Protein backbone atom coordinates (compact mmCIF):
# COMPACT_ATOMS: atom_id res chain seq x y z
CA MET A 1 96.43 22.94 196.39
CA ALA A 2 95.47 26.35 195.02
CA ARG A 3 98.30 28.35 193.51
CA GLN A 4 99.45 31.33 195.54
CA SER A 5 101.67 34.27 194.73
CA ALA A 6 103.07 36.92 197.03
CA GLY A 7 103.93 40.46 196.10
CA VAL A 8 104.73 43.97 197.22
CA LEU A 9 102.87 47.16 196.39
CA LEU A 10 105.50 49.89 196.63
CA TYR A 11 104.08 53.38 197.05
CA ARG A 12 105.19 56.96 197.49
CA LEU A 13 103.66 60.39 198.00
CA ARG A 14 104.68 62.82 195.27
CA ASN A 15 103.27 66.38 195.31
CA ASP A 16 100.58 65.22 197.78
CA ALA A 17 99.46 62.49 195.34
CA LEU A 18 99.72 58.79 196.07
CA GLU A 19 101.68 56.88 193.42
CA VAL A 20 102.20 53.13 193.07
CA PHE A 21 104.95 51.16 191.38
CA LEU A 22 103.73 48.60 188.84
CA VAL A 23 105.54 46.26 186.47
CA HIS A 24 104.71 44.97 182.99
CA PRO A 25 105.33 41.28 182.24
CA GLY A 26 107.96 40.50 179.65
CA GLY A 27 107.84 38.02 176.83
CA PRO A 28 106.01 37.80 173.54
CA PHE A 29 102.55 37.10 174.97
CA TRP A 30 102.46 40.47 176.75
CA ALA A 31 104.40 42.64 174.28
CA LYS A 32 101.35 44.41 172.83
CA LYS A 33 99.13 44.35 175.92
CA ASP A 34 98.85 47.32 178.25
CA ALA A 35 95.54 48.00 179.99
CA GLY A 36 94.94 45.21 182.50
CA ALA A 37 98.40 43.69 181.97
CA TRP A 38 100.38 45.55 184.65
CA SER A 39 100.85 44.08 188.12
CA ILE A 40 102.52 44.50 191.44
CA PRO A 41 105.88 42.68 191.46
CA LYS A 42 104.92 39.19 192.61
CA GLY A 43 105.60 35.51 192.16
CA GLU A 44 104.83 32.04 193.41
CA ILE A 45 105.45 31.08 197.00
CA GLU A 46 107.88 28.16 197.29
CA PRO A 47 106.75 25.16 199.39
CA GLY A 48 107.37 25.92 203.06
CA GLU A 49 108.33 29.55 202.33
CA ASP A 50 106.94 32.40 204.42
CA ALA A 51 104.61 34.48 202.23
CA LEU A 52 106.13 37.86 203.14
CA ALA A 53 109.64 36.48 202.56
CA ALA A 54 108.44 35.28 199.13
CA ALA A 55 107.04 38.74 198.33
CA ILE A 56 110.34 40.42 199.24
CA ARG A 57 112.32 37.80 197.25
CA GLU A 58 110.10 38.19 194.19
CA PHE A 59 110.38 41.98 194.31
CA ALA A 60 114.17 41.65 194.29
CA GLU A 61 114.15 39.08 191.46
CA GLU A 62 111.85 41.16 189.28
CA THR A 63 113.38 44.60 189.90
CA GLY A 64 116.91 44.06 191.21
CA ALA A 65 116.03 46.18 194.29
CA SER A 66 115.97 45.03 197.90
CA LEU A 67 113.29 46.15 200.32
CA SER A 68 113.16 46.30 204.10
CA GLY A 69 111.04 48.15 206.61
CA ASP A 70 107.46 48.22 207.82
CA PHE A 71 105.37 46.06 205.48
CA ARG A 72 101.62 46.67 205.74
CA PRO A 73 99.43 43.62 204.91
CA LEU A 74 96.80 44.10 202.23
CA PRO A 75 93.78 41.90 201.53
CA SER A 76 94.37 38.98 199.21
CA CYS A 77 92.85 38.88 195.74
CA ARG A 78 92.00 36.08 193.35
CA GLN A 79 92.97 36.53 189.70
CA ALA A 80 90.94 35.22 186.77
CA GLY A 81 93.21 32.18 186.34
CA GLY A 82 92.46 31.12 189.92
CA LYS A 83 95.73 32.21 191.50
CA THR A 84 95.45 33.93 194.88
CA VAL A 85 97.76 36.91 195.42
CA LEU A 86 98.90 37.77 198.95
CA ALA A 87 100.27 41.30 199.14
CA TRP A 88 101.97 43.82 201.39
CA ALA A 89 102.46 47.56 200.94
CA ILE A 90 105.54 49.55 201.83
CA ALA A 91 106.54 53.15 201.26
CA GLY A 92 109.67 53.65 199.21
CA ASP A 93 111.14 54.88 195.97
CA ILE A 94 112.81 53.19 193.04
CA ASP A 95 113.94 54.36 189.61
CA PRO A 96 111.93 52.40 187.00
CA ALA A 97 114.73 52.85 184.48
CA ALA A 98 117.12 51.01 186.82
CA ILE A 99 115.17 47.77 187.18
CA ARG A 100 117.05 44.55 186.43
CA SER A 101 114.71 41.61 186.06
CA ASN A 102 115.49 37.93 186.04
CA SER A 103 114.67 36.09 182.82
CA PHE A 104 112.92 32.96 181.61
CA ALA A 105 113.37 30.73 178.57
CA LEU A 106 110.55 29.97 176.16
CA GLU A 107 110.25 28.22 172.84
CA TRP A 108 109.57 31.09 170.46
CA PRO A 109 108.09 31.16 167.93
CA PRO A 110 105.88 28.24 169.00
CA ARG A 111 106.87 24.83 167.63
CA SER A 112 110.04 26.33 166.11
CA GLY A 113 112.44 24.36 168.30
CA LYS A 114 114.19 27.64 169.16
CA ARG A 115 114.43 28.74 172.78
CA GLN A 116 114.72 32.42 173.56
CA SER A 117 115.32 34.25 176.81
CA PHE A 118 112.95 37.03 177.89
CA PRO A 119 112.97 39.30 180.94
CA GLU A 120 110.27 38.43 183.45
CA ILE A 121 109.52 42.16 183.65
CA ASP A 122 110.13 44.32 180.58
CA ARG A 123 109.31 47.69 182.14
CA ALA A 124 108.15 49.39 185.31
CA GLN A 125 106.52 52.70 186.05
CA TRP A 126 105.05 54.88 188.78
CA PHE A 127 101.34 55.63 188.32
CA ASP A 128 98.84 57.77 190.18
CA LEU A 129 95.93 55.70 191.48
CA ASP A 130 93.51 56.57 188.68
CA GLU A 131 95.98 55.52 185.97
CA ALA A 132 97.06 52.48 187.99
CA ARG A 133 93.44 51.29 188.14
CA ARG A 134 93.30 51.44 184.33
CA ARG A 135 96.58 49.58 183.83
CA VAL A 136 96.65 46.93 186.57
CA ASN A 137 95.24 43.42 186.38
CA LYS A 138 91.59 43.98 187.34
CA ALA A 139 91.77 41.58 190.29
CA GLN A 140 94.52 43.70 191.86
CA ILE A 141 92.40 46.87 192.01
CA VAL A 142 91.36 45.78 195.51
CA LEU A 143 95.01 46.18 196.55
CA LEU A 144 95.07 49.77 195.29
CA ASP A 145 91.79 50.52 197.06
CA ALA A 146 93.06 49.04 200.33
CA LEU A 147 96.29 51.02 200.08
CA GLU A 148 94.37 54.23 199.45
CA ARG A 149 92.25 53.65 202.54
CA ALA A 150 95.27 52.73 204.68
CA VAL A 151 97.28 55.78 203.67
CA ALA A 152 94.28 58.08 204.28
CA THR A 153 93.94 56.75 207.84
CA PRO A 154 97.40 56.37 209.41
């Protein structure tokens, strides 16, 4: 079965400009990567789990913030590794400095026998759409485009 993730694209209007909330993956593999490394908060859907419920759960796990309200479905996208991302948009606001991400353990450095803990998300930020398109995983640009169209036509 193809791997699927679910996520939330949080957005806000600030000074008549649309901004989106993106997160940067934590851990040593991503530490020096920026352009193309950012993402919407997302994660794998558990067997039997509702996709929207998974998106809301993953947002909470990766940011420490709970969401509720009117979630707007976005088109799915397929990332280079083959994973399909199902996404929903919702208007809201969050302080990027206040995120509290869950963590994961990894042997680091490789073959050292030492396990270290890293945050799943090491930082978050609000971006206008132009900057978001430069920073986000290229496959997720379709989510930004769909959000832009949806917000322009209520």
